[in-house]
Amino acid sequence: MPHHKSAAKRLSKSKAENAYNKHYKSMMKTAIKKVRSSASKEEGLQNYLAAQSIMDKLTIKGVIKKNNASNKKSKLSEFVGKLNSGEEKK
């Protein structure tokens, strides 16, 4: 239990921000899973573009950092590139 008014406000704001970020991070993870579960290269590319858009929006909103989004997009792009080239999914 906070002892100061400012600490109580920070606790309240922190819970609200956490819920806000949790919603968007969940949305991002779902988009990433869709890319990873794609069967064809066309489907993978379509899902990748949607995931990339979501990650860019989250970067602008400040939910995830720029380098974090960049690393995730790079890994997904690599995955989509390997889809029909004969290599297996990891």
C-alpha atoms as a PDB file:
ATOM      1  CA  MET A   1       0.000   0.000   0.000  1.00  0.00           C
ATOM      2  CA  PRO A   2       1.517   3.335  -1.030  1.00  0.00           C
ATOM      3  CA  HIS A   3       2.222   5.829   1.742  1.00  0.00           C
ATOM      4  CA  HIS A   4       2.241   8.937  -0.444  1.00  0.00           C
ATOM      5  CA  LYS A   5      -0.309  10.405  -2.801  1.00  0.00           C
ATOM      6  CA  SER A   6       2.212  10.493  -5.655  1.00  0.00           C
ATOM      7  CA  ALA A   7       3.108   6.817  -5.105  1.00  0.00           C
ATOM      8  CA  ALA A   8      -0.589   5.889  -5.241  1.00  0.00           C
ATOM      9  CA  LYS A   9      -0.951   7.778  -8.509  1.00  0.00           C
ATOM     10  CA  ARG A  10       2.121   6.072  -9.984  1.00  0.00           C
ATOM     11  CA  LEU A  11       0.715   2.674  -9.000  1.00  0.00           C
ATOM     12  CA  SER A  12      -2.588   3.489 -10.664  1.00  0.00           C
ATOM     13  CA  LYS A  13      -0.901   4.810 -13.833  1.00  0.00           C
ATOM     14  CA  SER A  14       1.450   1.837 -13.928  1.00  0.00           C
ATOM     15  CA  LYS A  15      -1.443  -0.640 -13.881  1.00  0.00           C
ATOM     16  CA  ALA A  16      -3.223   1.239 -16.672  1.00  0.00           C
ATOM     17  CA  GLU A  17      -0.085   1.411 -18.834  1.00  0.00           C
ATOM     18  CA  ASN A  18       0.614  -2.266 -18.197  1.00  0.00           C
ATOM     19  CA  ALA A  19      -2.864  -3.236 -19.421  1.00  0.00           C
ATOM     20  CA  TYR A  20      -2.437  -0.994 -22.502  1.00  0.00           C
ATOM     21  CA  ASN A  21       0.938  -2.512 -23.376  1.00  0.00           C
ATOM     22  CA  LYS A  22      -0.230  -6.068 -22.656  1.00  0.00           C
ATOM     23  CA  HIS A  23      -3.034  -5.757 -25.213  1.00  0.00           C
ATOM     24  CA  TYR A  24      -0.723  -4.537 -27.958  1.00  0.00           C
ATOM     25  CA  LYS A  25       2.076  -7.007 -27.168  1.00  0.00           C
ATOM     26  CA  SER A  26      -0.456  -9.835 -27.348  1.00  0.00           C
ATOM     27  CA  MET A  27      -1.586  -8.552 -30.741  1.00  0.00           C
ATOM     28  CA  MET A  28       2.038  -8.506 -31.934  1.00  0.00           C
ATOM     29  CA  LYS A  29       2.751 -12.038 -30.679  1.00  0.00           C
ATOM     30  CA  THR A  30      -0.352 -13.354 -32.455  1.00  0.00           C
ATOM     31  CA  ALA A  31       0.774 -11.735 -35.718  1.00  0.00           C
ATOM     32  CA  ILE A  32       4.237 -13.294 -35.330  1.00  0.00           C
ATOM     33  CA  LYS A  33       2.708 -16.723 -34.689  1.00  0.00           C
ATOM     34  CA  LYS A  34       0.621 -16.377 -37.873  1.00  0.00           C
ATOM     35  CA  VAL A  35       3.790 -15.744 -39.875  1.00  0.00           C
ATOM     36  CA  ARG A  36       5.588 -18.687 -38.258  1.00  0.00           C
ATOM     37  CA  SER A  37       2.669 -21.036 -38.985  1.00  0.00           C
ATOM     38  CA  SER A  38       2.362 -20.039 -42.648  1.00  0.00           C
ATOM     39  CA  ALA A  39       2.438 -22.945 -45.066  1.00  0.00           C
ATOM     40  CA  SER A  40       3.228 -21.152 -48.323  1.00  0.00           C
ATOM     41  CA  LYS A  41       5.532 -18.306 -49.201  1.00  0.00           C
ATOM     42  CA  GLU A  42       2.637 -16.136 -50.445  1.00  0.00           C
ATOM     43  CA  GLU A  43       0.685 -16.594 -47.219  1.00  0.00           C
ATOM     44  CA  GLY A  44       3.849 -16.006 -45.207  1.00  0.00           C
ATOM     45  CA  LEU A  45       4.608 -12.789 -47.055  1.00  0.00           C
ATOM     46  CA  GLN A  46       1.077 -11.497 -46.545  1.00  0.00           C
ATOM     47  CA  ASN A  47       1.189 -12.300 -42.820  1.00  0.00           C
ATOM     48  CA  TYR A  48       4.700 -10.832 -42.566  1.00  0.00           C
ATOM     49  CA  LEU A  49       3.544  -7.495 -43.984  1.00  0.00           C
ATOM     50  CA  ALA A  50       0.700  -7.377 -41.456  1.00  0.00           C
ATOM     51  CA  ALA A  51       3.065  -8.220 -38.580  1.00  0.00           C
ATOM     52  CA  GLN A  52       5.573  -5.642 -39.782  1.00  0.00           C
ATOM     53  CA  SER A  53       2.882  -2.969 -39.814  1.00  0.00           C
ATOM     54  CA  ILE A  54       1.819  -3.850 -36.263  1.00  0.00           C
ATOM     55  CA  MET A  55       5.414  -3.736 -35.010  1.00  0.00           C
ATOM     56  CA  ASP A  56       5.993  -0.342 -36.644  1.00  0.00           C
ATOM     57  CA  LYS A  57       2.870   1.043 -34.973  1.00  0.00           C
ATOM     58  CA  LEU A  58       3.938  -0.323 -31.589  1.00  0.00           C
ATOM     59  CA  THR A  59       7.344   1.293 -32.000  1.00  0.00           C
ATOM     60  CA  ILE A  60       5.709   4.655 -32.644  1.00  0.00           C
ATOM     61  CA  LYS A  61       3.411   4.197 -29.625  1.00  0.00           C
ATOM     62  CA  GLY A  62       6.418   3.353 -27.444  1.00  0.00           C
ATOM     63  CA  VAL A  63       5.233  -0.137 -26.536  1.00  0.00           C
ATOM     64  CA  ILE A  64       8.407  -1.762 -27.896  1.00  0.00           C
ATOM     65  CA  LYS A  65      11.802  -0.275 -28.682  1.00  0.00           C
ATOM     66  CA  LYS A  66      13.015   0.407 -32.204  1.00  0.00           C
ATOM     67  CA  ASN A  67      15.818  -2.171 -32.153  1.00  0.00           C
ATOM     68  CA  ASN A  68      13.516  -4.819 -30.666  1.00  0.00           C
ATOM     69  CA  ALA A  69      11.081  -4.342 -33.558  1.00  0.00           C
ATOM     70  CA  SER A  70      13.941  -4.326 -36.049  1.00  0.00           C
ATOM     71  CA  ASN A  71      15.328  -7.619 -34.725  1.00  0.00           C
ATOM     72  CA  LYS A  72      11.904  -9.284 -34.814  1.00  0.00           C
ATOM     73  CA  LYS A  73      11.238  -8.076 -38.371  1.00  0.00           C
ATOM     74  CA  SER A  74      14.654  -9.289 -39.486  1.00  0.00           C
ATOM     75  CA  LYS A  75      14.088 -12.779 -38.074  1.00  0.00           C
ATOM     76  CA  LEU A  76      10.621 -13.003 -39.632  1.00  0.00           C
ATOM     77  CA  SER A  77      11.917 -11.786 -42.979  1.00  0.00           C
ATOM     78  CA  GLU A  78      14.610 -14.453 -42.894  1.00  0.00           C
ATOM     79  CA  PHE A  79      11.980 -17.071 -42.037  1.00  0.00           C
ATOM     80  CA  VAL A  80       9.690 -16.026 -44.907  1.00  0.00           C
ATOM     81  CA  GLY A  81      12.646 -16.062 -47.291  1.00  0.00           C
ATOM     82  CA  LYS A  82      13.393 -19.673 -46.406  1.00  0.00           C
ATOM     83  CA  LEU A  83       9.789 -20.899 -46.631  1.00  0.00           C
ATOM     84  CA  ASN A  84       9.835 -22.533 -50.080  1.00  0.00           C
ATOM     85  CA  SER A  85      13.578 -22.840 -50.521  1.00  0.00           C
ATOM     86  CA  GLY A  86      13.592 -26.385 -49.101  1.00  0.00           C
ATOM     87  CA  GLU A  87      14.766 -25.582 -45.589  1.00  0.00           C
ATOM     88  CA  GLU A  88      12.660 -26.631 -42.616  1.00  0.00           C
ATOM     89  CA  LYS A  89      10.964 -24.379 -40.070  1.00  0.00           C
ATOM     90  CA  LYS A  90      12.698 -23.972 -36.742  1.00  0.00           C
END
